[in-house]
Protein backbone atom coordinates (compact mmCIF):
# COMPACT_ATOMS: atom_id res chain seq x y z
CA MET A 1 47.38 -4.69 24.17
CA HIS A 2 45.37 -5.98 27.12
CA LEU A 3 41.81 -7.24 27.53
CA ALA A 4 40.36 -5.64 30.64
CA TYR A 5 37.03 -6.58 32.18
CA LEU A 6 35.25 -3.82 34.05
CA LEU A 7 32.09 -3.61 36.11
CA ILE A 8 30.38 -0.26 36.08
CA GLY A 9 27.51 0.68 38.34
CA SER A 10 25.32 3.48 39.65
CA ASN A 11 22.55 3.76 42.23
CA LEU A 12 21.79 7.48 42.30
CA GLY A 13 19.96 9.75 39.88
CA ASP A 14 19.59 8.78 36.22
CA LYS A 15 21.51 5.51 36.47
CA THR A 16 21.13 4.59 32.81
CA THR A 17 22.56 7.91 31.64
CA TYR A 18 25.44 7.67 34.11
CA LEU A 19 26.37 4.21 32.79
CA LYS A 20 26.14 5.33 29.17
CA ASN A 21 28.26 8.41 29.89
CA ALA A 22 30.82 6.31 31.77
CA GLY A 23 31.03 3.97 28.77
CA SER A 24 31.72 6.94 26.50
CA TYR A 25 34.47 8.25 28.80
CA ILE A 26 36.01 4.78 29.06
CA GLN A 27 35.99 4.42 25.27
CA GLN A 28 37.64 7.85 24.87
CA GLN A 29 40.24 7.58 27.63
CA CYS A 30 40.92 3.88 28.27
CA GLY A 31 40.37 1.86 25.12
CA GLN A 32 37.93 0.32 22.68
CA ILE A 33 34.88 -1.38 24.17
CA VAL A 34 34.76 -4.76 22.44
CA LYS A 35 31.91 -6.34 24.43
CA GLN A 36 29.29 -5.02 26.80
CA SER A 37 26.63 -6.80 28.79
CA SER A 38 23.03 -5.85 29.20
CA PHE A 39 22.14 -3.58 32.09
CA TYR A 40 21.24 -5.39 35.32
CA GLU A 41 19.15 -4.04 38.20
CA THR A 42 20.71 -5.38 41.38
CA GLU A 43 20.07 -5.30 45.08
CA PRO A 44 22.76 -3.49 47.09
CA TRP A 45 25.47 -5.79 48.41
CA GLY A 46 27.19 -5.19 51.75
CA PHE A 47 25.59 -1.94 52.89
CA THR A 48 21.95 -2.72 51.99
CA GLU A 49 20.17 0.45 53.19
CA GLN A 50 20.45 2.25 49.86
CA PRO A 51 18.81 2.29 46.41
CA SER A 52 19.25 -0.60 43.98
CA PHE A 53 22.10 -0.50 41.47
CA LEU A 54 22.24 -0.61 37.73
CA ASN A 55 25.33 -2.58 36.64
CA GLN A 56 27.01 -3.49 33.38
CA ALA A 57 30.14 -5.46 32.49
CA LEU A 58 32.47 -4.16 29.80
CA CYS A 59 35.40 -5.75 28.01
CA ILE A 60 37.87 -3.24 26.63
CA GLN A 61 41.07 -3.46 24.65
CA THR A 62 43.56 -1.15 26.29
CA GLU A 63 47.20 -0.26 26.02
CA LEU A 64 47.15 1.09 29.58
CA ALA A 65 49.01 -0.80 32.27
CA PRO A 66 46.78 -1.91 35.18
CA ALA A 67 47.77 0.98 37.49
CA GLN A 68 47.31 3.51 34.66
CA LEU A 69 43.89 2.09 33.90
CA MET A 70 42.86 2.30 37.56
CA HIS A 71 44.05 5.92 37.81
CA THR A 72 42.14 6.81 34.65
CA LEU A 73 38.95 5.17 35.94
CA LEU A 74 39.27 7.06 39.23
CA GLN A 75 39.64 10.30 37.27
CA ILE A 76 36.50 9.48 35.26
CA GLU A 77 34.60 8.80 38.51
CA SER A 78 35.74 12.14 39.89
CA LYS A 79 34.86 13.99 36.67
CA MET A 80 31.36 12.47 36.84
CA GLY A 81 30.87 13.70 40.41
CA ARG A 82 31.66 10.62 42.48
CA THR A 83 32.37 11.37 46.12
CA ARG A 84 33.57 8.81 48.66
CA GLU A 85 31.77 9.48 51.92
CA LEU A 86 30.58 6.06 53.03
CA LYS A 87 32.37 2.82 52.15
CA MET A 88 30.05 0.78 49.90
CA GLY A 89 27.50 3.60 50.14
CA PRO A 90 25.35 5.20 47.43
CA ARG A 91 27.22 6.53 44.40
CA ILE A 92 26.64 8.23 41.09
CA ILE A 93 29.19 6.00 39.41
CA ASP A 94 31.45 3.11 40.38
CA LEU A 95 34.09 1.82 37.96
CA ASP A 96 35.85 -1.39 38.98
CA ILE A 97 38.43 -3.51 37.21
CA LEU A 98 37.48 -7.17 37.61
CA GLN A 99 40.28 -8.75 35.61
CA ILE A 100 42.99 -7.88 33.08
CA ASP A 101 44.15 -10.78 30.92
CA GLN A 102 45.39 -13.41 33.37
CA GLN A 103 47.32 -10.91 35.47
CA ILE A 104 47.58 -11.14 39.23
CA VAL A 105 48.25 -7.78 40.92
CA ASP A 106 48.33 -7.01 44.62
CA THR A 107 49.12 -3.38 45.43
CA PRO A 108 47.50 -0.80 47.73
CA LEU A 109 45.89 0.77 44.62
CA LEU A 110 44.70 -2.36 42.84
CA GLN A 111 44.06 -6.05 43.36
CA LEU A 112 43.56 -8.28 40.32
CA PRO A 113 41.53 -10.22 39.82
CA HIS A 114 39.02 -8.28 41.91
CA PRO A 115 39.17 -10.01 45.32
CA ALA A 116 35.38 -10.26 45.73
CA MET A 117 34.28 -10.90 42.14
CA HIS A 118 33.64 -14.60 42.79
CA LEU A 119 31.39 -13.74 45.76
CA ARG A 120 29.04 -11.35 43.95
CA ARG A 121 26.25 -12.33 41.57
CA PHE A 122 25.97 -8.71 40.41
CA ALA A 123 29.49 -9.04 38.96
CA LEU A 124 29.34 -12.64 37.77
CA ILE A 125 25.99 -12.51 35.94
CA PRO A 126 26.93 -9.64 33.58
CA MET A 127 30.41 -11.13 33.20
CA GLU A 128 28.94 -14.48 32.21
CA GLU A 129 26.98 -12.72 29.47
CA ILE A 130 30.14 -11.38 27.81
CA ALA A 131 32.86 -13.85 28.86
CA PRO A 132 31.45 -17.15 30.17
CA GLN A 133 34.65 -19.08 29.48
CA LEU A 134 37.06 -16.48 30.89
CA MET A 135 39.35 -18.20 33.38
CA HIS A 136 39.91 -16.75 36.84
CA PRO A 137 43.71 -16.74 37.14
CA GLN A 138 43.78 -17.75 40.81
CA PHE A 139 40.92 -20.25 41.04
CA ASN A 140 41.45 -21.71 37.55
CA LYS A 141 37.68 -21.75 36.99
CA THR A 142 35.53 -20.11 34.33
CA ILE A 143 33.08 -17.32 35.07
CA THR A 144 30.28 -19.86 34.48
CA GLN A 145 31.79 -22.21 37.07
CA LEU A 146 32.25 -19.38 39.59
CA LEU A 147 28.64 -18.30 39.13
CA ALA A 148 27.39 -21.87 39.63
CA GLU A 149 29.35 -22.06 42.93
CA CYS A 150 28.45 -18.55 44.15
CA THR A 151 26.39 -18.55 47.35
CA ASP A 152 25.31 -14.90 47.05
CA GLN A 153 21.50 -14.67 47.03
CA THR A 154 21.03 -11.00 46.04
CA ASP A 155 18.51 -10.36 43.29
CA VAL A 156 20.02 -9.55 39.88
CA GLN A 157 17.60 -8.92 36.99
CA LYS A 158 18.30 -8.00 33.38
CA LYS A 159 16.79 -4.59 32.68
CA ILE A 160 15.51 -3.42 29.32
CA VAL A 161 16.57 0.20 28.75
């Protein structure tokens, strides 16, 4: 059994419903959700000429190997109508694996921990809510430490839904 930390997000349509539906699919197909953060309204990162995102961090217990989990998440994205037209562009749903246990993976399909997690407040803030003491397996720092050192200035606000 693995503990996998996911970041889910949406910036098109009914974002709240998309995140709730994604959580249901993840619970059905990937494993039990054991912790979930609040929803966070976040400025776009990278490609900024698009609507704001709604993000949430999830911790799931899963029996799926990392590659299996990634394939399943991609299938859920596709089932929910995700299309990939513009890198970092607007999307109905985005399901990312941030970390699985203390595993380090570097394949064309998947990099763990997520290579940009430590650079993005929209990932670190919801992660700190559910796993502040989780250690990053490469930097040997907690999520709280990574957030304190993060230079990203994008606005991330807890949203009541």
